[in-house]
Amino acid sequence: MVRKEARVVEEVVVGKDVHMRKETVRDTERRTDVRVEETGSDRDYAPGYSFGSQYANESRYLDRDWSTVEPELRRDWESRGHGA
């Protein structure tokens, strides 16, 4: 007959010391590389985004509700040959 018995040989305590610090870094960025890849959907929507951003800050549209502005902008959009 064989018998197994578990017994504690040693205990291990695991802890963590956390140190936080606040640091202000002042430096000049010398170079920034940006790479933008245009996907198929980006090409499809780019004209609409461009059109919208063109009119987004025009003073004649700033204080108007979308439902009153939309017919006028739709006519302008369609007159440029973009379709509905």
PDB file of N, CA and C in Angstrom:
ATOM      1  N   MET A   1       0.839  -1.156   0.000  1.00  0.00           N
ATOM      2  CA  MET A   1       0.000   0.000   0.000  1.00  0.00           C
ATOM      3  C   MET A   1       0.899   1.240   0.000  1.00  0.00           C
ATOM      4  N   VAL A   2       0.566   2.191  -0.920  1.00  0.00           N
ATOM      5  CA  VAL A   2       1.343   3.427  -1.042  1.00  0.00           C
ATOM      6  C   VAL A   2       0.452   4.587  -0.628  1.00  0.00           C
ATOM      7  N   ARG A   3       1.040   5.502   0.083  1.00  0.00           N
ATOM      8  CA  ARG A   3       0.258   6.636   0.552  1.00  0.00           C
ATOM      9  C   ARG A   3       1.024   7.926   0.268  1.00  0.00           C
ATOM     10  N   LYS A   4       0.271   8.953  -0.239  1.00  0.00           N
ATOM     11  CA  LYS A   4       0.888  10.264  -0.490  1.00  0.00           C
ATOM     12  C   LYS A   4       0.333  11.251   0.501  1.00  0.00           C
ATOM     13  N   GLU A   5       1.217  12.119   0.939  1.00  0.00           N
ATOM     14  CA  GLU A   5       0.782  13.139   1.875  1.00  0.00           C
ATOM     15  C   GLU A   5       1.477  14.439   1.506  1.00  0.00           C
ATOM     16  N   ALA A   6       0.700  15.513   1.357  1.00  0.00           N
ATOM     17  CA  ALA A   6       1.271  16.816   1.029  1.00  0.00           C
ATOM     18  C   ALA A   6       1.650  17.528   2.305  1.00  0.00           C
ATOM     19  N   ARG A   7       2.827  18.110   2.320  1.00  0.00           N
ATOM     20  CA  ARG A   7       3.225  18.900   3.461  1.00  0.00           C
ATOM     21  C   ARG A   7       3.948  20.150   2.986  1.00  0.00           C
ATOM     22  N   VAL A   8       3.759  21.230   3.666  1.00  0.00           N
ATOM     23  CA  VAL A   8       4.351  22.513   3.309  1.00  0.00           C
ATOM     24  C   VAL A   8       5.809  22.503   3.720  1.00  0.00           C
ATOM     25  N   VAL A   9       6.663  22.758   2.713  1.00  0.00           N
ATOM     26  CA  VAL A   9       8.085  22.785   2.973  1.00  0.00           C
ATOM     27  C   VAL A   9       8.554  24.230   3.154  1.00  0.00           C
ATOM     28  N   GLU A  10       8.055  25.121   2.283  1.00  0.00           N
ATOM     29  CA  GLU A  10       8.391  26.534   2.425  1.00  0.00           C
ATOM     30  C   GLU A  10       7.271  27.370   1.852  1.00  0.00           C
ATOM     31  N   GLU A  11       7.191  28.614   2.256  1.00  0.00           N
ATOM     32  CA  GLU A  11       6.185  29.538   1.759  1.00  0.00           C
ATOM     33  C   GLU A  11       6.883  30.653   1.007  1.00  0.00           C
ATOM     34  N   VAL A  12       6.245  31.098  -0.071  1.00  0.00           N
ATOM     35  CA  VAL A  12       6.780  32.189  -0.872  1.00  0.00           C
ATOM     36  C   VAL A  12       5.773  33.335  -0.826  1.00  0.00           C
ATOM     37  N   VAL A  13       6.251  34.514  -0.529  1.00  0.00           N
ATOM     38  CA  VAL A  13       5.400  35.702  -0.504  1.00  0.00           C
ATOM     39  C   VAL A  13       5.737  36.545  -1.722  1.00  0.00           C
ATOM     40  N   VAL A  14       4.715  36.869  -2.507  1.00  0.00           N
ATOM     41  CA  VAL A  14       4.910  37.682  -3.704  1.00  0.00           C
ATOM     42  C   VAL A  14       4.299  39.045  -3.443  1.00  0.00           C
ATOM     43  N   GLY A  15       5.059  40.082  -3.692  1.00  0.00           N
ATOM     44  CA  GLY A  15       4.571  41.439  -3.478  1.00  0.00           C
ATOM     45  C   GLY A  15       4.992  42.339  -4.619  1.00  0.00           C
ATOM     46  N   LYS A  16       4.486  43.542  -4.585  1.00  0.00           N
ATOM     47  CA  LYS A  16       4.817  44.491  -5.641  1.00  0.00           C
ATOM     48  C   LYS A  16       4.931  45.876  -5.027  1.00  0.00           C
ATOM     49  N   ASP A  17       6.033  46.539  -5.278  1.00  0.00           N
ATOM     50  CA  ASP A  17       6.211  47.916  -4.834  1.00  0.00           C
ATOM     51  C   ASP A  17       5.940  48.827  -6.028  1.00  0.00           C
ATOM     52  N   VAL A  18       5.060  49.775  -5.840  1.00  0.00           N
ATOM     53  CA  VAL A  18       4.710  50.693  -6.923  1.00  0.00           C
ATOM     54  C   VAL A  18       5.240  52.075  -6.573  1.00  0.00           C
ATOM     55  N   HIS A  19       5.977  52.638  -7.502  1.00  0.00           N
ATOM     56  CA  HIS A  19       6.499  53.987  -7.339  1.00  0.00           C
ATOM     57  C   HIS A  19       6.022  54.815  -8.522  1.00  0.00           C
ATOM     58  N   MET A  20       5.418  55.944  -8.243  1.00  0.00           N
ATOM     59  CA  MET A  20       4.949  56.826  -9.307  1.00  0.00           C
ATOM     60  C   MET A  20       5.717  58.125  -9.237  1.00  0.00           C
ATOM     61  N   ARG A  21       5.919  58.706 -10.413  1.00  0.00           N
ATOM     62  CA  ARG A  21       6.549  60.011 -10.445  1.00  0.00           C
ATOM     63  C   ARG A  21       5.976  60.808 -11.597  1.00  0.00           C
ATOM     64  N   LYS A  22       5.990  62.089 -11.463  1.00  0.00           N
ATOM     65  CA  LYS A  22       5.505  62.993 -12.491  1.00  0.00           C
ATOM     66  C   LYS A  22       6.706  63.733 -13.034  1.00  0.00           C
ATOM     67  N   GLU A  23       6.790  63.768 -14.357  1.00  0.00           N
ATOM     68  CA  GLU A  23       7.954  64.387 -14.971  1.00  0.00           C
ATOM     69  C   GLU A  23       7.504  65.210 -16.159  1.00  0.00           C
ATOM     70  N   THR A  24       8.002  66.403 -16.287  1.00  0.00           N
ATOM     71  CA  THR A  24       7.712  67.258 -17.432  1.00  0.00           C
ATOM     72  C   THR A  24       8.916  67.227 -18.357  1.00  0.00           C
ATOM     73  N   VAL A  25       8.648  66.927 -19.614  1.00  0.00           N
ATOM     74  CA  VAL A  25       9.720  66.839 -20.592  1.00  0.00           C
ATOM     75  C   VAL A  25       9.514  67.938 -21.623  1.00  0.00           C
ATOM     76  N   ARG A  26      10.522  68.699 -21.839  1.00  0.00           N
ATOM     77  CA  ARG A  26      10.464  69.758 -22.853  1.00  0.00           C
ATOM     78  C   ARG A  26      11.522  69.450 -23.891  1.00  0.00           C
ATOM     79  N   ASP A  27      11.080  69.381 -25.126  1.00  0.00           N
ATOM     80  CA  ASP A  27      12.007  69.073 -26.211  1.00  0.00           C
ATOM     81  C   ASP A  27      11.380  69.544 -27.511  1.00  0.00           C
ATOM     82  N   THR A  28      12.144  69.565 -28.548  1.00  0.00           N
ATOM     83  CA  THR A  28      11.664  69.932 -29.864  1.00  0.00           C
ATOM     84  C   THR A  28      11.656  68.698 -30.740  1.00  0.00           C
ATOM     85  N   GLU A  29      10.521  68.479 -31.378  1.00  0.00           N
ATOM     86  CA  GLU A  29      10.433  67.345 -32.285  1.00  0.00           C
ATOM     87  C   GLU A  29      11.115  67.741 -33.581  1.00  0.00           C
ATOM     88  N   ARG A  30      12.021  66.932 -34.010  1.00  0.00           N
ATOM     89  CA  ARG A  30      12.804  67.272 -35.176  1.00  0.00           C
ATOM     90  C   ARG A  30      12.206  66.757 -36.479  1.00  0.00           C
ATOM     91  N   ARG A  31      11.443  65.681 -36.395  1.00  0.00           N
ATOM     92  CA  ARG A  31      10.918  65.104 -37.617  1.00  0.00           C
ATOM     93  C   ARG A  31       9.686  64.259 -37.304  1.00  0.00           C
ATOM     94  N   THR A  32       8.704  64.358 -38.154  1.00  0.00           N
ATOM     95  CA  THR A  32       7.514  63.539 -38.010  1.00  0.00           C
ATOM     96  C   THR A  32       7.218  62.884 -39.352  1.00  0.00           C
ATOM     97  N   ASP A  33       7.140  61.590 -39.358  1.00  0.00           N
ATOM     98  CA  ASP A  33       6.787  60.859 -40.569  1.00  0.00           C
ATOM     99  C   ASP A  33       5.359  60.358 -40.420  1.00  0.00           C
ATOM    100  N   VAL A  34       4.561  60.629 -41.414  1.00  0.00           N
ATOM    101  CA  VAL A  34       3.180  60.171 -41.401  1.00  0.00           C
ATOM    102  C   VAL A  34       2.925  59.435 -42.702  1.00  0.00           C
ATOM    103  N   ARG A  35       2.349  58.267 -42.564  1.00  0.00           N
ATOM    104  CA  ARG A  35       2.007  57.481 -43.747  1.00  0.00           C
ATOM    105  C   ARG A  35       0.523  57.182 -43.692  1.00  0.00           C
ATOM    106  N   VAL A  36      -0.197  57.594 -44.707  1.00  0.00           N
ATOM    107  CA  VAL A  36      -1.633  57.379 -44.755  1.00  0.00           C
ATOM    108  C   VAL A  36      -1.928  56.466 -45.926  1.00  0.00           C
ATOM    109  N   GLU A  37      -2.587  55.376 -45.624  1.00  0.00           N
ATOM    110  CA  GLU A  37      -2.983  54.459 -46.675  1.00  0.00           C
ATOM    111  C   GLU A  37      -4.468  54.602 -46.905  1.00  0.00           C
ATOM    112  N   GLU A  38      -4.836  54.778 -48.134  1.00  0.00           N
ATOM    113  CA  GLU A  38      -6.229  54.973 -48.481  1.00  0.00           C
ATOM    114  C   GLU A  38      -6.823  53.647 -48.910  1.00  0.00           C
ATOM    115  N   THR A  39      -7.870  53.232 -48.231  1.00  0.00           N
ATOM    116  CA  THR A  39      -8.523  51.986 -48.604  1.00  0.00           C
ATOM    117  C   THR A  39      -9.617  52.295 -49.617  1.00  0.00           C
ATOM    118  N   GLY A  40     -10.219  51.270 -50.156  1.00  0.00           N
ATOM    119  CA  GLY A  40     -11.284  51.453 -51.138  1.00  0.00           C
ATOM    120  C   GLY A  40     -12.416  52.306 -50.603  1.00  0.00           C
ATOM    121  N   SER A  41     -12.841  52.049 -49.366  1.00  0.00           N
ATOM    122  CA  SER A  41     -13.946  52.818 -48.804  1.00  0.00           C
ATOM    123  C   SER A  41     -13.539  54.273 -48.565  1.00  0.00           C
ATOM    124  N   ASP A  42     -12.257  54.521 -48.232  1.00  0.00           N
ATOM    125  CA  ASP A  42     -11.788  55.896 -48.063  1.00  0.00           C
ATOM    126  C   ASP A  42     -11.927  56.668 -49.370  1.00  0.00           C
ATOM    127  N   ARG A  43     -11.567  56.036 -50.470  1.00  0.00           N
ATOM    128  CA  ARG A  43     -11.693  56.688 -51.776  1.00  0.00           C
ATOM    129  C   ARG A  43     -13.161  56.960 -52.096  1.00  0.00           C
ATOM    130  N   ASP A  44     -14.036  56.049 -51.692  1.00  0.00           N
ATOM    131  CA  ASP A  44     -15.460  56.209 -51.967  1.00  0.00           C
ATOM    132  C   ASP A  44     -16.056  57.380 -51.181  1.00  0.00           C
ATOM    133  N   TYR A  45     -15.629  57.550 -49.935  1.00  0.00           N
ATOM    134  CA  TYR A  45     -16.221  58.564 -49.066  1.00  0.00           C
ATOM    135  C   TYR A  45     -15.481  59.894 -49.079  1.00  0.00           C
ATOM    136  N   ALA A  46     -14.289  59.930 -49.616  1.00  0.00           N
ATOM    137  CA  ALA A  46     -13.479  61.156 -49.590  1.00  0.00           C
ATOM    138  C   ALA A  46     -14.205  62.359 -50.185  1.00  0.00           C
ATOM    139  N   PRO A  47     -14.883  62.233 -51.330  1.00  0.00           N
ATOM    140  CA  PRO A  47     -15.585  63.409 -51.866  1.00  0.00           C
ATOM    141  C   PRO A  47     -16.655  63.938 -50.908  1.00  0.00           C
ATOM    142  N   GLY A  48     -17.357  63.037 -50.236  1.00  0.00           N
ATOM    143  CA  GLY A  48     -18.391  63.462 -49.292  1.00  0.00           C
ATOM    144  C   GLY A  48     -17.810  64.173 -48.091  1.00  0.00           C
ATOM    145  N   TYR A  49     -16.698  63.643 -47.558  1.00  0.00           N
ATOM    146  CA  TYR A  49     -16.045  64.299 -46.427  1.00  0.00           C
ATOM    147  C   TYR A  49     -15.534  65.679 -46.816  1.00  0.00           C
ATOM    148  N   SER A  50     -14.967  65.764 -47.991  1.00  0.00           N
ATOM    149  CA  SER A  50     -14.455  67.042 -48.469  1.00  0.00           C
ATOM    150  C   SER A  50     -15.589  68.048 -48.626  1.00  0.00           C
ATOM    151  N   PHE A  51     -16.674  67.612 -49.223  1.00  0.00           N
ATOM    152  CA  PHE A  51     -17.850  68.460 -49.431  1.00  0.00           C
ATOM    153  C   PHE A  51     -18.399  68.934 -48.084  1.00  0.00           C
ATOM    154  N   GLY A  52     -18.546  68.004 -47.140  1.00  0.00           N
ATOM    155  CA  GLY A  52     -19.079  68.352 -45.827  1.00  0.00           C
ATOM    156  C   GLY A  52     -18.194  69.324 -45.073  1.00  0.00           C
ATOM    157  N   SER A  53     -16.905  69.091 -45.108  1.00  0.00           N
ATOM    158  CA  SER A  53     -16.001  69.983 -44.375  1.00  0.00           C
ATOM    159  C   SER A  53     -15.954  71.369 -45.011  1.00  0.00           C
ATOM    160  N   GLN A  54     -16.190  71.438 -46.312  1.00  0.00           N
ATOM    161  CA  GLN A  54     -16.217  72.731 -47.007  1.00  0.00           C
ATOM    162  C   GLN A  54     -17.354  73.602 -46.463  1.00  0.00           C
ATOM    163  N   TYR A  55     -18.502  72.987 -46.217  1.00  0.00           N
ATOM    164  CA  TYR A  55     -19.668  73.744 -45.774  1.00  0.00           C
ATOM    165  C   TYR A  55     -19.844  73.773 -44.254  1.00  0.00           C
ATOM    166  N   ALA A  56     -19.126  72.972 -43.523  1.00  0.00           N
ATOM    167  CA  ALA A  56     -19.324  72.822 -42.079  1.00  0.00           C
ATOM    168  C   ALA A  56     -19.194  74.135 -41.309  1.00  0.00           C
ATOM    169  N   ASN A  57     -18.287  74.983 -41.716  1.00  0.00           N
ATOM    170  CA  ASN A  57     -18.043  76.211 -40.959  1.00  0.00           C
ATOM    171  C   ASN A  57     -18.502  77.470 -41.676  1.00  0.00           C
ATOM    172  N   GLU A  58     -19.282  77.312 -42.720  1.00  0.00           N
ATOM    173  CA  GLU A  58     -19.793  78.502 -43.403  1.00  0.00           C
ATOM    174  C   GLU A  58     -20.854  79.163 -42.531  1.00  0.00           C
ATOM    175  N   SER A  59     -20.748  80.454 -42.390  1.00  0.00           N
ATOM    176  CA  SER A  59     -21.636  81.190 -41.481  1.00  0.00           C
ATOM    177  C   SER A  59     -23.104  81.043 -41.856  1.00  0.00           C
ATOM    178  N   ARG A  60     -23.403  80.887 -43.130  1.00  0.00           N
ATOM    179  CA  ARG A  60     -24.815  80.774 -43.522  1.00  0.00           C
ATOM    180  C   ARG A  60     -25.451  79.464 -43.051  1.00  0.00           C
ATOM    181  N   TYR A  61     -24.650  78.490 -42.648  1.00  0.00           N
ATOM    182  CA  TYR A  61     -25.186  77.206 -42.180  1.00  0.00           C
ATOM    183  C   TYR A  61     -25.033  76.981 -40.680  1.00  0.00           C
ATOM    184  N   LEU A  62     -24.273  77.799 -40.001  1.00  0.00           N
ATOM    185  CA  LEU A  62     -23.926  77.537 -38.601  1.00  0.00           C
ATOM    186  C   LEU A  62     -25.129  77.441 -37.661  1.00  0.00           C
ATOM    187  N   ASP A  63     -26.086  78.323 -37.790  1.00  0.00           N
ATOM    188  CA  ASP A  63     -27.209  78.342 -36.846  1.00  0.00           C
ATOM    189  C   ASP A  63     -28.481  77.718 -37.421  1.00  0.00           C
ATOM    190  N   ARG A  64     -28.330  76.904 -38.447  1.00  0.00           N
ATOM    191  CA  ARG A  64     -29.505  76.299 -39.072  1.00  0.00           C
ATOM    192  C   ARG A  64     -29.576  74.814 -38.760  1.00  0.00           C
ATOM    193  N   ASP A  65     -30.779  74.320 -38.668  1.00  0.00           N
ATOM    194  CA  ASP A  65     -31.028  72.907 -38.428  1.00  0.00           C
ATOM    195  C   ASP A  65     -30.748  72.118 -39.707  1.00  0.00           C
ATOM    196  N   TRP A  66     -30.260  70.873 -39.550  1.00  0.00           N
ATOM    197  CA  TRP A  66     -29.919  70.036 -40.701  1.00  0.00           C
ATOM    198  C   TRP A  66     -31.101  69.873 -41.659  1.00  0.00           C
ATOM    199  N   SER A  67     -32.319  69.734 -41.140  1.00  0.00           N
ATOM    200  CA  SER A  67     -33.484  69.507 -42.006  1.00  0.00           C
ATOM    201  C   SER A  67     -33.751  70.693 -42.931  1.00  0.00           C
ATOM    202  N   THR A  68     -33.341  71.887 -42.542  1.00  0.00           N
ATOM    203  CA  THR A  68     -33.520  73.054 -43.418  1.00  0.00           C
ATOM    204  C   THR A  68     -32.353  73.232 -44.379  1.00  0.00           C
ATOM    205  N   VAL A  69     -31.200  72.740 -44.021  1.00  0.00           N
ATOM    206  CA  VAL A  69     -29.992  72.891 -44.840  1.00  0.00           C
ATOM    207  C   VAL A  69     -29.867  71.767 -45.877  1.00  0.00           C
ATOM    208  N   GLU A  70     -30.312  70.581 -45.521  1.00  0.00           N
ATOM    209  CA  GLU A  70     -30.096  69.381 -46.334  1.00  0.00           C
ATOM    210  C   GLU A  70     -30.588  69.505 -47.779  1.00  0.00           C
ATOM    211  N   PRO A  71     -31.797  70.016 -48.062  1.00  0.00           N
ATOM    212  CA  PRO A  71     -32.220  70.104 -49.472  1.00  0.00           C
ATOM    213  C   PRO A  71     -31.293  70.965 -50.330  1.00  0.00           C
ATOM    214  N   GLU A  72     -30.855  72.072 -49.766  1.00  0.00           N
ATOM    215  CA  GLU A  72     -29.957  72.969 -50.498  1.00  0.00           C
ATOM    216  C   GLU A  72     -28.603  72.299 -50.768  1.00  0.00           C
ATOM    217  N   LEU A  73     -28.054  71.639 -49.736  1.00  0.00           N
ATOM    218  CA  LEU A  73     -26.771  70.968 -49.906  1.00  0.00           C
ATOM    219  C   LEU A  73     -26.893  69.761 -50.840  1.00  0.00           C
ATOM    220  N   ARG A  74     -28.021  69.062 -50.782  1.00  0.00           N
ATOM    221  CA  ARG A  74     -28.245  67.925 -51.683  1.00  0.00           C
ATOM    222  C   ARG A  74     -28.237  68.391 -53.142  1.00  0.00           C
ATOM    223  N   ARG A  75     -28.927  69.515 -53.430  1.00  0.00           N
ATOM    224  CA  ARG A  75     -28.939  70.041 -54.803  1.00  0.00           C
ATOM    225  C   ARG A  75     -27.524  70.393 -55.257  1.00  0.00           C
ATOM    226  N   ASP A  76     -26.762  71.037 -54.359  1.00  0.00           N
ATOM    227  CA  ASP A  76     -25.388  71.415 -54.689  1.00  0.00           C
ATOM    228  C   ASP A  76     -24.540  70.169 -54.946  1.00  0.00           C
ATOM    229  N   TRP A  77     -24.664  69.163 -54.077  1.00  0.00           N
ATOM    230  CA  TRP A  77     -23.918  67.902 -54.215  1.00  0.00           C
ATOM    231  C   TRP A  77     -24.228  67.230 -55.554  1.00  0.00           C
ATOM    232  N   GLU A  78     -25.516  67.105 -55.871  1.00  0.00           N
ATOM    233  CA  GLU A  78     -25.928  66.434 -57.096  1.00  0.00           C
ATOM    234  C   GLU A  78     -25.570  67.227 -58.331  1.00  0.00           C
ATOM    235  N   SER A  79     -25.535  68.569 -58.225  1.00  0.00           N
ATOM    236  CA  SER A  79     -25.156  69.379 -59.386  1.00  0.00           C
ATOM    237  C   SER A  79     -23.679  69.209 -59.736  1.00  0.00           C
ATOM    238  N   ARG A  80     -22.902  68.719 -58.797  1.00  0.00           N
ATOM    239  CA  ARG A  80     -21.472  68.496 -59.055  1.00  0.00           C
ATOM    240  C   ARG A  80     -21.231  67.115 -59.669  1.00  0.00           C
ATOM    241  N   GLY A  81     -22.308  66.380 -59.921  1.00  0.00           N
ATOM    242  CA  GLY A  81     -22.180  65.095 -60.592  1.00  0.00           C
ATOM    243  C   GLY A  81     -21.860  63.929 -59.681  1.00  0.00           C
ATOM    244  N   HIS A  82     -22.089  64.073 -58.363  1.00  0.00           N
ATOM    245  CA  HIS A  82     -21.797  62.991 -57.434  1.00  0.00           C
ATOM    246  C   HIS A  82     -22.917  61.983 -57.303  1.00  0.00           C
ATOM    247  N   GLY A  83     -24.083  62.293 -57.821  1.00  0.00           N
ATOM    248  CA  GLY A  83     -25.222  61.394 -57.668  1.00  0.00           C
ATOM    249  C   GLY A  83     -25.917  61.627 -56.347  1.00  0.00           C
ATOM    250  N   ALA A  84     -26.876  60.761 -56.045  1.00  0.00           N
ATOM    251  CA  ALA A  84     -27.668  60.944 -54.823  1.00  0.00           C
ATOM    252  C   ALA A  84     -26.851  60.556 -53.600  1.00  0.00           C
TER     253      ALA A  84
END
